[in-house]
C-alpha atoms as a PDB file:
ATOM      1  CA  MET A   1       0.702 -30.849 -35.246  1.00  0.00           C
ATOM      2  CA  GLN A   2      -0.271 -30.705 -31.596  1.00  0.00           C
ATOM      3  CA  ALA A   3      -2.812 -28.512 -29.827  1.00  0.00           C
ATOM      4  CA  PHE A   4      -3.447 -27.844 -26.149  1.00  0.00           C
ATOM      5  CA  VAL A   5      -6.976 -28.447 -24.838  1.00  0.00           C
ATOM      6  CA  ASN A   6      -7.907 -28.026 -21.173  1.00  0.00           C
ATOM      7  CA  GLY A   7      -4.617 -29.226 -19.732  1.00  0.00           C
ATOM      8  CA  ASP A   8      -3.590 -31.802 -22.338  1.00  0.00           C
ATOM      9  CA  PHE A   9      -1.547 -31.767 -25.529  1.00  0.00           C
ATOM     10  CA  VAL A  10      -3.396 -33.678 -28.253  1.00  0.00           C
ATOM     11  CA  PRO A  11      -3.046 -34.133 -32.013  1.00  0.00           C
ATOM     12  CA  LEU A  12      -4.667 -31.113 -33.652  1.00  0.00           C
ATOM     13  CA  GLU A  13      -7.133 -33.238 -35.628  1.00  0.00           C
ATOM     14  CA  GLU A  14      -8.314 -34.814 -32.341  1.00  0.00           C
ATOM     15  CA  ALA A  15      -8.806 -31.541 -30.465  1.00  0.00           C
ATOM     16  CA  LYS A  16     -12.413 -31.334 -29.219  1.00  0.00           C
ATOM     17  CA  VAL A  17     -14.635 -29.300 -26.900  1.00  0.00           C
ATOM     18  CA  SER A  18     -18.113 -30.040 -25.597  1.00  0.00           C
ATOM     19  CA  ALA A  19     -21.124 -29.249 -27.753  1.00  0.00           C
ATOM     20  CA  ARG A  20     -22.512 -27.635 -24.572  1.00  0.00           C
ATOM     21  CA  ASP A  21     -19.607 -25.221 -24.328  1.00  0.00           C
ATOM     22  CA  ARG A  22     -20.872 -21.648 -23.970  1.00  0.00           C
ATOM     23  CA  GLY A  23     -18.412 -20.517 -26.622  1.00  0.00           C
ATOM     24  CA  PHE A  24     -20.180 -22.826 -29.074  1.00  0.00           C
ATOM     25  CA  THR A  25     -23.771 -22.306 -27.945  1.00  0.00           C
ATOM     26  CA  ILE A  26     -23.875 -18.548 -27.266  1.00  0.00           C
ATOM     27  CA  GLY A  27     -20.543 -17.198 -28.518  1.00  0.00           C
ATOM     28  CA  GLU A  28     -19.175 -16.446 -25.035  1.00  0.00           C
ATOM     29  CA  GLY A  29     -15.420 -16.321 -25.270  1.00  0.00           C
ATOM     30  CA  VAL A  30     -12.327 -14.354 -26.152  1.00  0.00           C
ATOM     31  CA  PHE A  31      -9.262 -15.122 -28.206  1.00  0.00           C
ATOM     32  CA  GLU A  32      -5.737 -14.052 -29.120  1.00  0.00           C
ATOM     33  CA  VAL A  33      -3.534 -14.680 -32.163  1.00  0.00           C
ATOM     34  CA  TRP A  34       0.214 -14.215 -32.277  1.00  0.00           C
ATOM     35  CA  ARG A  35       2.888 -15.454 -34.651  1.00  0.00           C
ATOM     36  CA  THR A  36       6.387 -16.823 -34.532  1.00  0.00           C
ATOM     37  CA  TYR A  37       9.339 -15.146 -36.226  1.00  0.00           C
ATOM     38  CA  ASP A  38      11.969 -17.511 -37.613  1.00  0.00           C
ATOM     39  CA  ALA A  39      10.114 -20.326 -35.803  1.00  0.00           C
ATOM     40  CA  LYS A  40      10.576 -18.583 -32.445  1.00  0.00           C
ATOM     41  CA  PRO A  41       8.231 -16.629 -30.149  1.00  0.00           C
ATOM     42  CA  VAL A  42       9.138 -13.046 -29.240  1.00  0.00           C
ATOM     43  CA  GLU A  43       8.600 -12.587 -25.504  1.00  0.00           C
ATOM     44  CA  GLU A  44       7.639  -8.913 -25.691  1.00  0.00           C
ATOM     45  CA  ILE A  45       4.894  -9.793 -28.170  1.00  0.00           C
ATOM     46  CA  LEU A  46       3.685 -12.678 -26.008  1.00  0.00           C
ATOM     47  CA  ARG A  47       3.618 -10.432 -22.936  1.00  0.00           C
ATOM     48  CA  ARG A  48       1.411  -7.890 -24.683  1.00  0.00           C
ATOM     49  CA  HIS A  49      -0.969 -10.610 -25.912  1.00  0.00           C
ATOM     50  CA  ARG A  50      -1.246 -12.023 -22.383  1.00  0.00           C
ATOM     51  CA  GLN A  51      -2.072  -8.542 -21.088  1.00  0.00           C
ATOM     52  CA  ARG A  52      -4.799  -8.062 -23.679  1.00  0.00           C
ATOM     53  CA  LEU A  53      -6.177 -11.547 -23.039  1.00  0.00           C
ATOM     54  CA  ALA A  54      -6.409 -10.756 -19.323  1.00  0.00           C
ATOM     55  CA  LYS A  55      -8.357  -7.555 -20.038  1.00  0.00           C
ATOM     56  CA  SER A  56     -10.801  -9.417 -22.295  1.00  0.00           C
ATOM     57  CA  LEU A  57     -11.280 -12.191 -19.722  1.00  0.00           C
ATOM     58  CA  ARG A  58     -12.144  -9.691 -17.002  1.00  0.00           C
ATOM     59  CA  TYR A  59     -14.775  -8.229 -19.336  1.00  0.00           C
ATOM     60  CA  ILE A  60     -16.557 -11.599 -19.645  1.00  0.00           C
ATOM     61  CA  GLU A  61     -16.148 -12.230 -15.898  1.00  0.00           C
ATOM     62  CA  VAL A  62     -13.587 -15.015 -16.130  1.00  0.00           C
ATOM     63  CA  ASP A  63     -10.734 -14.863 -13.607  1.00  0.00           C
ATOM     64  CA  PRO A  64      -7.719 -14.121 -15.802  1.00  0.00           C
ATOM     65  CA  ASP A  65      -4.944 -15.161 -13.415  1.00  0.00           C
ATOM     66  CA  PRO A  66      -5.182 -18.979 -13.797  1.00  0.00           C
ATOM     67  CA  VAL A  67      -5.621 -18.678 -17.578  1.00  0.00           C
ATOM     68  CA  ILE A  68      -2.654 -16.335 -17.983  1.00  0.00           C
ATOM     69  CA  ALA A  69      -0.507 -18.678 -15.885  1.00  0.00           C
ATOM     70  CA  VAL A  70      -1.392 -21.516 -18.268  1.00  0.00           C
ATOM     71  CA  ALA A  71      -0.652 -19.365 -21.315  1.00  0.00           C
ATOM     72  CA  GLU A  72       2.705 -18.282 -19.930  1.00  0.00           C
ATOM     73  CA  ALA A  73       3.737 -21.896 -19.383  1.00  0.00           C
ATOM     74  CA  VAL A  74       2.163 -23.533 -22.433  1.00  0.00           C
ATOM     75  CA  TRP A  75       2.694 -21.095 -25.316  1.00  0.00           C
ATOM     76  CA  PRO A  76       6.494 -21.679 -25.513  1.00  0.00           C
ATOM     77  CA  GLU A  77       6.050 -25.433 -25.067  1.00  0.00           C
ATOM     78  CA  LEU A  78       3.494 -25.515 -27.878  1.00  0.00           C
ATOM     79  CA  ILE A  79       6.124 -24.030 -30.199  1.00  0.00           C
ATOM     80  CA  GLU A  80       8.701 -26.622 -29.161  1.00  0.00           C
ATOM     81  CA  ARG A  81       6.264 -29.494 -29.693  1.00  0.00           C
ATOM     82  CA  ASN A  82       5.486 -28.224 -33.208  1.00  0.00           C
ATOM     83  CA  ARG A  83       8.953 -26.981 -34.150  1.00  0.00           C
ATOM     84  CA  THR A  84       9.447 -29.364 -37.093  1.00  0.00           C
ATOM     85  CA  GLU A  85       6.133 -28.332 -38.665  1.00  0.00           C
ATOM     86  CA  ILE A  86       6.775 -24.641 -38.006  1.00  0.00           C
ATOM     87  CA  GLU A  87      10.196 -24.734 -39.650  1.00  0.00           C
ATOM     88  CA  ALA A  88       8.729 -26.563 -42.649  1.00  0.00           C
ATOM     89  CA  ALA A  89       5.893 -24.023 -43.007  1.00  0.00           C
ATOM     90  CA  GLY A  90       8.078 -20.945 -42.531  1.00  0.00           C
ATOM     91  CA  ASP A  91       6.244 -19.623 -39.478  1.00  0.00           C
ATOM     92  CA  MET A  92       2.942 -20.083 -37.687  1.00  0.00           C
ATOM     93  CA  TRP A  93       0.157 -18.321 -35.875  1.00  0.00           C
ATOM     94  CA  VAL A  94      -0.832 -19.538 -32.428  1.00  0.00           C
ATOM     95  CA  LEU A  95      -4.584 -19.192 -31.901  1.00  0.00           C
ATOM     96  CA  SER A  96      -5.706 -19.083 -28.258  1.00  0.00           C
ATOM     97  CA  ILE A  97      -9.412 -19.367 -27.397  1.00  0.00           C
ATOM     98  CA  VAL A  98     -10.880 -19.156 -23.894  1.00  0.00           C
ATOM     99  CA  THR A  99     -14.621 -19.594 -23.353  1.00  0.00           C
ATOM    100  CA  GLY A 100     -16.970 -19.591 -20.377  1.00  0.00           C
ATOM    101  CA  GLY A 101     -16.850 -23.385 -20.361  1.00  0.00           C
ATOM    102  CA  VAL A 102     -19.724 -25.830 -20.222  1.00  0.00           C
ATOM    103  CA  GLY A 103     -22.954 -24.406 -18.869  1.00  0.00           C
ATOM    104  CA  GLU A 104     -26.528 -23.523 -19.671  1.00  0.00           C
ATOM    105  CA  GLU A 105     -27.574 -20.053 -20.736  1.00  0.00           C
ATOM    106  CA  GLY A 106     -28.735 -18.159 -17.657  1.00  0.00           C
ATOM    107  CA  GLY A 107     -27.138 -20.714 -15.329  1.00  0.00           C
ATOM    108  CA  ALA A 108     -23.854 -21.435 -13.629  1.00  0.00           C
ATOM    109  CA  ARG A 109     -20.671 -21.827 -15.645  1.00  0.00           C
ATOM    110  CA  GLY A 110     -18.053 -24.503 -15.269  1.00  0.00           C
ATOM    111  CA  GLU A 111     -14.317 -24.067 -15.549  1.00  0.00           C
ATOM    112  CA  PRO A 112     -13.257 -22.047 -18.589  1.00  0.00           C
ATOM    113  CA  THR A 113     -12.377 -23.940 -21.738  1.00  0.00           C
ATOM    114  CA  ILE A 114      -8.792 -23.230 -22.834  1.00  0.00           C
ATOM    115  CA  VAL A 115      -7.578 -24.117 -26.331  1.00  0.00           C
ATOM    116  CA  PHE A 116      -4.237 -23.180 -27.903  1.00  0.00           C
ATOM    117  CA  MET A 117      -3.488 -24.358 -31.432  1.00  0.00           C
ATOM    118  CA  PRO A 118      -0.958 -23.668 -34.193  1.00  0.00           C
ATOM    119  CA  LYS A 119      -1.882 -22.612 -37.709  1.00  0.00           C
ATOM    120  CA  PRO A 120       0.585 -22.113 -40.592  1.00  0.00           C
ATOM    121  CA  LEU A 121       0.893 -18.612 -42.010  1.00  0.00           C
ATOM    122  CA  PRO A 122      -0.933 -18.574 -45.370  1.00  0.00           C
ATOM    123  CA  TYR A 123       2.063 -18.295 -47.665  1.00  0.00           C
ATOM    124  CA  GLY A 124       1.244 -19.237 -51.246  1.00  0.00           C
ATOM    125  CA  GLN A 125      -2.476 -18.431 -50.875  1.00  0.00           C
ATOM    126  CA  GLY A 126      -2.479 -14.836 -52.134  1.00  0.00           C
ATOM    127  CA  PHE A 127      -2.722 -13.233 -48.691  1.00  0.00           C
ATOM    128  CA  PHE A 128       0.613 -11.465 -49.173  1.00  0.00           C
ATOM    129  CA  ALA A 129       0.054 -10.500 -52.839  1.00  0.00           C
ATOM    130  CA  GLU A 130       2.427 -13.192 -54.078  1.00  0.00           C
ATOM    131  CA  GLY A 131       5.197 -11.843 -51.886  1.00  0.00           C
ATOM    132  CA  ARG A 132       4.763  -8.231 -53.059  1.00  0.00           C
ATOM    133  CA  LEU A 133       2.583  -6.843 -50.261  1.00  0.00           C
ATOM    134  CA  TYR A 134       5.330  -4.672 -48.791  1.00  0.00           C
ATOM    135  CA  ASP A 135       6.103  -3.276 -52.254  1.00  0.00           C
ATOM    136  CA  VAL A 136       2.729  -2.792 -53.961  1.00  0.00           C
ATOM    137  CA  GLY A 137       0.517  -2.329 -50.893  1.00  0.00           C
ATOM    138  CA  ALA A 138      -2.849  -3.693 -49.817  1.00  0.00           C
ATOM    139  CA  ARG A 139      -6.361  -2.914 -51.068  1.00  0.00           C
ATOM    140  CA  LEU A 140      -9.058  -1.733 -48.668  1.00  0.00           C
ATOM    141  CA  VAL A 141     -12.746  -2.248 -49.426  1.00  0.00           C
ATOM    142  CA  PRO A 142     -15.647  -0.996 -47.272  1.00  0.00           C
ATOM    143  CA  SER A 143     -17.864  -3.419 -45.428  1.00  0.00           C
ATOM    144  CA  LEU A 144     -21.609  -2.848 -45.243  1.00  0.00           C
ATOM    145  CA  MET A 145     -21.416  -3.622 -41.522  1.00  0.00           C
ATOM    146  CA  ASN A 146     -20.100  -1.154 -38.975  1.00  0.00           C
ATOM    147  CA  GLU A 147     -18.087  -2.239 -35.962  1.00  0.00           C
ATOM    148  CA  ASN A 148     -20.296  -3.664 -33.169  1.00  0.00           C
ATOM    149  CA  PRO A 149     -23.528  -2.808 -35.034  1.00  0.00           C
ATOM    150  CA  PHE A 150     -25.739  -3.348 -31.995  1.00  0.00           C
ATOM    151  CA  TYR A 151     -23.163  -1.995 -29.500  1.00  0.00           C
ATOM    152  CA  PRO A 152     -23.350  -4.790 -26.903  1.00  0.00           C
ATOM    153  CA  SER A 153     -19.597  -4.946 -26.402  1.00  0.00           C
ATOM    154  CA  ASP A 154     -16.597  -2.703 -26.049  1.00  0.00           C
ATOM    155  CA  PRO A 155     -14.562  -2.787 -29.306  1.00  0.00           C
ATOM    156  CA  ARG A 156     -11.387  -3.317 -27.268  1.00  0.00           C
ATOM    157  CA  VAL A 157     -12.550  -6.820 -26.263  1.00  0.00           C
ATOM    158  CA  LYS A 158     -11.154  -9.499 -28.576  1.00  0.00           C
ATOM    159  CA  SER A 159     -14.374 -11.502 -28.579  1.00  0.00           C
ATOM    160  CA  ILE A 160     -15.149 -14.669 -30.526  1.00  0.00           C
ATOM    161  CA  SER A 161     -18.652 -13.231 -31.038  1.00  0.00           C
ATOM    162  CA  ARG A 162     -17.883 -10.788 -33.853  1.00  0.00           C
ATOM    163  CA  MET A 163     -20.484 -10.831 -36.585  1.00  0.00           C
ATOM    164  CA  SER A 164     -19.402  -7.527 -38.128  1.00  0.00           C
ATOM    165  CA  ASN A 165     -15.916  -8.978 -38.609  1.00  0.00           C
ATOM    166  CA  THR A 166     -17.385 -12.141 -40.141  1.00  0.00           C
ATOM    167  CA  ARG A 167     -19.332 -10.141 -42.726  1.00  0.00           C
ATOM    168  CA  SER A 168     -16.189  -8.146 -43.505  1.00  0.00           C
ATOM    169  CA  GLU A 169     -14.098 -11.293 -43.756  1.00  0.00           C
ATOM    170  CA  ARG A 170     -16.497 -12.822 -46.276  1.00  0.00           C
ATOM    171  CA  LYS A 171     -16.260  -9.707 -48.445  1.00  0.00           C
ATOM    172  CA  GLN A 172     -12.486  -9.803 -48.117  1.00  0.00           C
ATOM    173  CA  VAL A 173     -12.472 -13.353 -49.475  1.00  0.00           C
ATOM    174  CA  ARG A 174     -14.703 -12.388 -52.405  1.00  0.00           C
ATOM    175  CA  GLU A 175     -12.485  -9.429 -53.314  1.00  0.00           C
ATOM    176  CA  GLY A 176      -9.343 -11.539 -53.688  1.00  0.00           C
ATOM    177  CA  ALA A 177      -5.678 -11.386 -52.752  1.00  0.00           C
ATOM    178  CA  ALA A 178      -4.132  -8.751 -50.502  1.00  0.00           C
ATOM    179  CA  THR A 179      -7.528  -7.208 -49.700  1.00  0.00           C
ATOM    180  CA  TRP A 180      -8.779  -6.118 -46.291  1.00  0.00           C
ATOM    181  CA  ALA A 181     -12.335  -4.998 -45.572  1.00  0.00           C
ATOM    182  CA  ILE A 182     -12.742  -1.947 -43.338  1.00  0.00           C
ATOM    183  CA  THR A 183     -15.418  -1.267 -40.733  1.00  0.00           C
ATOM    184  CA  PHE A 184     -16.691   2.043 -39.409  1.00  0.00           C
ATOM    185  CA  ASP A 185     -17.538   3.161 -35.892  1.00  0.00           C
ATOM    186  CA  ARG A 186     -20.969   4.493 -34.915  1.00  0.00           C
ATOM    187  CA  ASN A 187     -19.937   8.018 -35.910  1.00  0.00           C
ATOM    188  CA  GLY A 188     -18.866   7.072 -39.428  1.00  0.00           C
ATOM    189  CA  ALA A 189     -15.110   7.149 -38.813  1.00  0.00           C
ATOM    190  CA  ILE A 190     -12.959   4.267 -40.042  1.00  0.00           C
ATOM    191  CA  SER A 191     -12.427   1.915 -37.102  1.00  0.00           C
ATOM    192  CA  GLU A 192     -10.212  -0.940 -38.308  1.00  0.00           C
ATOM    193  CA  ALA A 193      -9.779  -3.565 -40.986  1.00  0.00           C
ATOM    194  CA  THR A 194     -10.464  -7.290 -40.896  1.00  0.00           C
ATOM    195  CA  GLY A 195      -7.869  -8.634 -38.489  1.00  0.00           C
ATOM    196  CA  ALA A 196      -5.787  -5.457 -38.636  1.00  0.00           C
ATOM    197  CA  GLY A 197      -5.524  -1.924 -37.325  1.00  0.00           C
ATOM    198  CA  LEU A 198      -5.252   1.135 -39.557  1.00  0.00           C
ATOM    199  CA  GLY A 199      -3.370   4.424 -39.558  1.00  0.00           C
ATOM    200  CA  ILE A 200      -2.059   7.136 -41.825  1.00  0.00           C
ATOM    201  CA  GLU A 201       1.092   9.159 -42.317  1.00  0.00           C
ATOM    202  CA  GLU A 202       0.479  12.887 -42.354  1.00  0.00           C
ATOM    203  CA  GLU A 203       3.247  15.518 -42.557  1.00  0.00           C
ATOM    204  CA  GLY A 204       5.736  13.254 -40.815  1.00  0.00           C
ATOM    205  CA  ARG A 205       3.286  12.135 -38.108  1.00  0.00           C
ATOM    206  CA  LEU A 206       1.757   8.723 -37.562  1.00  0.00           C
ATOM    207  CA  VAL A 207      -1.986   9.141 -36.944  1.00  0.00           C
ATOM    208  CA  VAL A 208      -4.211   6.324 -35.626  1.00  0.00           C
ATOM    209  CA  PRO A 209      -7.859   6.128 -34.465  1.00  0.00           C
ATOM    210  CA  PRO A 210      -8.562   6.702 -30.733  1.00  0.00           C
ATOM    211  CA  LYS A 211      -7.936   3.562 -28.721  1.00  0.00           C
ATOM    212  CA  TRP A 212     -11.464   3.424 -27.279  1.00  0.00           C
ATOM    213  CA  THR A 213     -12.944   3.007 -30.791  1.00  0.00           C
ATOM    214  CA  ARG A 214     -10.971  -0.055 -31.869  1.00  0.00           C
ATOM    215  CA  LEU A 215      -9.259  -3.230 -30.764  1.00  0.00           C
ATOM    216  CA  GLU A 216      -6.019  -2.552 -28.900  1.00  0.00           C
ATOM    217  CA  SER A 217      -3.874  -3.996 -31.688  1.00  0.00           C
ATOM    218  CA  VAL A 218      -0.624  -5.435 -30.360  1.00  0.00           C
ATOM    219  CA  SER A 219       1.042  -4.827 -33.728  1.00  0.00           C
ATOM    220  CA  MET A 220      -0.077  -1.201 -33.586  1.00  0.00           C
ATOM    221  CA  GLN A 221       1.161  -0.884 -29.992  1.00  0.00           C
ATOM    222  CA  ILE A 222       4.609  -2.094 -30.996  1.00  0.00           C
ATOM    223  CA  SER A 223       4.609   0.105 -34.106  1.00  0.00           C
ATOM    224  CA  LEU A 224       3.792   3.129 -31.931  1.00  0.00           C
ATOM    225  CA  LYS A 225       6.554   2.149 -29.515  1.00  0.00           C
ATOM    226  CA  ILE A 226       9.049   1.927 -32.388  1.00  0.00           C
ATOM    227  CA  ALA A 227       7.793   5.232 -33.779  1.00  0.00           C
ATOM    228  CA  GLY A 228       8.341   6.898 -30.418  1.00  0.00           C
ATOM    229  CA  GLU A 229      11.865   5.537 -30.211  1.00  0.00           C
ATOM    230  CA  LEU A 230      12.544   6.938 -33.687  1.00  0.00           C
ATOM    231  CA  GLY A 231      11.268  10.362 -32.666  1.00  0.00           C
ATOM    232  CA  ILE A 232       8.182  10.170 -34.890  1.00  0.00           C
ATOM    233  CA  GLU A 233       5.255  12.221 -33.634  1.00  0.00           C
ATOM    234  CA  ILE A 234       2.115  10.192 -32.861  1.00  0.00           C
ATOM    235  CA  GLU A 235      -1.446  11.488 -32.903  1.00  0.00           C
ATOM    236  CA  GLU A 236      -4.770   9.828 -32.052  1.00  0.00           C
ATOM    237  CA  ARG A 237      -7.941  11.159 -33.679  1.00  0.00           C
ATOM    238  CA  PRO A 238     -10.927   9.835 -35.629  1.00  0.00           C
ATOM    239  CA  LEU A 239     -10.022   9.090 -39.269  1.00  0.00           C
ATOM    240  CA  THR A 240     -12.460   9.228 -42.175  1.00  0.00           C
ATOM    241  CA  VAL A 241     -12.213   8.447 -45.874  1.00  0.00           C
ATOM    242  CA  TYR A 242     -11.256  12.107 -46.358  1.00  0.00           C
ATOM    243  CA  ASP A 243      -8.171  11.607 -44.176  1.00  0.00           C
ATOM    244  CA  PHE A 244      -7.085   8.469 -46.006  1.00  0.00           C
ATOM    245  CA  VAL A 245      -7.389   9.912 -49.519  1.00  0.00           C
ATOM    246  CA  ASN A 246      -5.411  13.003 -48.470  1.00  0.00           C
ATOM    247  CA  ALA A 247      -2.720  11.228 -46.437  1.00  0.00           C
ATOM    248  CA  ASP A 248       0.905  10.883 -47.461  1.00  0.00           C
ATOM    249  CA  ALA A 249       0.524   7.143 -46.870  1.00  0.00           C
ATOM    250  CA  ALA A 250      -1.788   4.653 -45.161  1.00  0.00           C
ATOM    251  CA  TYR A 251      -0.877   1.521 -43.226  1.00  0.00           C
ATOM    252  CA  LEU A 252      -2.196  -1.770 -41.918  1.00  0.00           C
ATOM    253  CA  PHE A 253      -1.015  -3.126 -38.560  1.00  0.00           C
ATOM    254  CA  GLY A 254      -1.514  -6.846 -38.038  1.00  0.00           C
ATOM    255  CA  THR A 255      -0.127 -10.030 -36.513  1.00  0.00           C
ATOM    256  CA  SER A 256       0.803 -11.557 -39.862  1.00  0.00           C
ATOM    257  CA  ILE A 257       2.314  -8.434 -41.421  1.00  0.00           C
ATOM    258  CA  ALA A 258       3.482  -6.147 -38.559  1.00  0.00           C
ATOM    259  CA  ILE A 259       3.051  -2.972 -40.660  1.00  0.00           C
ATOM    260  CA  ALA A 260       2.318  -2.863 -44.392  1.00  0.00           C
ATOM    261  CA  PRO A 261       1.388  -0.072 -46.825  1.00  0.00           C
ATOM    262  CA  VAL A 262      -2.066   0.470 -48.306  1.00  0.00           C
ATOM    263  CA  ALA A 263      -2.334   1.205 -52.035  1.00  0.00           C
ATOM    264  CA  GLU A 264      -6.041   1.900 -52.485  1.00  0.00           C
ATOM    265  CA  LEU A 265      -9.324   2.435 -50.672  1.00  0.00           C
ATOM    266  CA  ASP A 266     -12.572   1.472 -52.407  1.00  0.00           C
ATOM    267  CA  GLY A 267     -10.775   1.681 -55.767  1.00  0.00           C
ATOM    268  CA  ILE A 268      -9.258   5.097 -55.010  1.00  0.00           C
ATOM    269  CA  LYS A 269      -5.492   5.120 -55.419  1.00  0.00           C
ATOM    270  CA  LEU A 270      -3.753   6.358 -52.283  1.00  0.00           C
ATOM    271  CA  ALA A 271      -0.414   8.122 -51.981  1.00  0.00           C
ATOM    272  CA  MET A 272       2.468   5.898 -50.872  1.00  0.00           C
ATOM    273  CA  ARG A 273       5.029   8.474 -49.693  1.00  0.00           C
ATOM    274  CA  ARG A 274       5.823   6.135 -46.840  1.00  0.00           C
ATOM    275  CA  ASN A 275       8.824   7.603 -45.082  1.00  0.00           C
ATOM    276  CA  VAL A 276       7.401   6.973 -41.618  1.00  0.00           C
ATOM    277  CA  GLY A 277       6.167   3.466 -42.426  1.00  0.00           C
ATOM    278  CA  ASP A 278       9.429   2.304 -43.957  1.00  0.00           C
ATOM    279  CA  ARG A 279      11.324   3.451 -40.873  1.00  0.00           C
ATOM    280  CA  ILE A 280       8.903   1.623 -38.578  1.00  0.00           C
ATOM    281  CA  LEU A 281       9.092  -1.526 -40.740  1.00  0.00           C
ATOM    282  CA  LYS A 282      12.880  -1.532 -40.430  1.00  0.00           C
ATOM    283  CA  GLY A 283      12.446  -1.050 -36.699  1.00  0.00           C
ATOM    284  CA  TRP A 284      10.174  -4.115 -36.626  1.00  0.00           C
ATOM    285  CA  ILE A 285      12.796  -6.248 -38.384  1.00  0.00           C
ATOM    286  CA  ASP A 286      15.372  -5.134 -35.824  1.00  0.00           C
ATOM    287  CA  PHE A 287      12.909  -5.731 -32.977  1.00  0.00           C
ATOM    288  CA  VAL A 288      12.158  -9.371 -33.882  1.00  0.00           C
ATOM    289  CA  GLU A 289      15.727  -9.962 -35.152  1.00  0.00           C
ATOM    290  CA  PHE A 290      14.411 -11.521 -38.353  1.00  0.00           C
ATOM    291  CA  ASP A 291      13.732 -10.223 -41.866  1.00  0.00           C
ATOM    292  CA  PHE A 292      10.118 -11.336 -42.278  1.00  0.00           C
ATOM    293  CA  VAL A 293       9.761  -9.126 -45.382  1.00  0.00           C
ATOM    294  CA  GLU A 294      12.385 -11.212 -47.179  1.00  0.00           C
ATOM    295  CA  GLN A 295      10.651 -14.356 -45.878  1.00  0.00           C
ATOM    296  CA  CYS A 296       7.355 -13.130 -47.318  1.00  0.00           C
ATOM    297  CA  ARG A 297       8.891 -12.446 -50.730  1.00  0.00           C
ATOM    298  CA  ARG A 298      10.602 -15.843 -50.732  1.00  0.00           C
ATOM    299  CA  LEU A 299       7.759 -18.077 -49.498  1.00  0.00           C
ATOM    300  CA  ASP A 300       4.727 -16.330 -51.004  1.00  0.00           C
ATOM    301  CA  SER A 301       6.022 -15.814 -54.545  1.00  0.00           C
END
């Protein structure tokens, strides 16, 4: 497979950045992850990821315009250069990382480091519950870390410096297949899950946490757009464990899964009366013009 590093396409195993890169030395950088559907990018999804990347770059004081221009040109070409591998794997993520470049802490920065690389979706590794995720639902487990525990950064920034997510991700791995670890905001409300947003279905409404308390999930944005088109009422408010255990259904929103049901929280069985979620999931399949649920069942079983 090929990756893109600072203007050049190179074999993925040869992709390198400087050991003096500020992303490596002090964790200064932002990233995006999007996926293909049927080995093709979906332009509306790419547009929303470019918008979020630009917002994150402004936050770390990197001019977003040149980086976004590169992303707009290179992302589709990266898919074409890796098409054979993508078709063999089923589909792929594209991971995009932009750092402050080479420079000393407290000193001037160089040009930003830009890396785009493909990564196969983890079919056959238990991530999708052996193809049954959309049927049996995911498990949520609480992390001991809350989101942004020292509050140095806005949770809407998709930063590579994310220790609370790392601690959650390690617990997720220990807990096994189809498990996501959840983090809490500073007020004790549920913020998000590892690599995914969260929401509930309540009396025909889709309810999600306030946008200023969480990452601006592209998958959630599109799910809310589909919900609006279907006439489903949308509400934003803080959500606690109480809300999840009393909801008609709970959902994950993520790049790999779009929207998927949640079956339990910390061992507590949750209701799965998922009328709203099933309608949004069908809307997703229509939106990307590909039945990724069938793909999941076929490739992950």
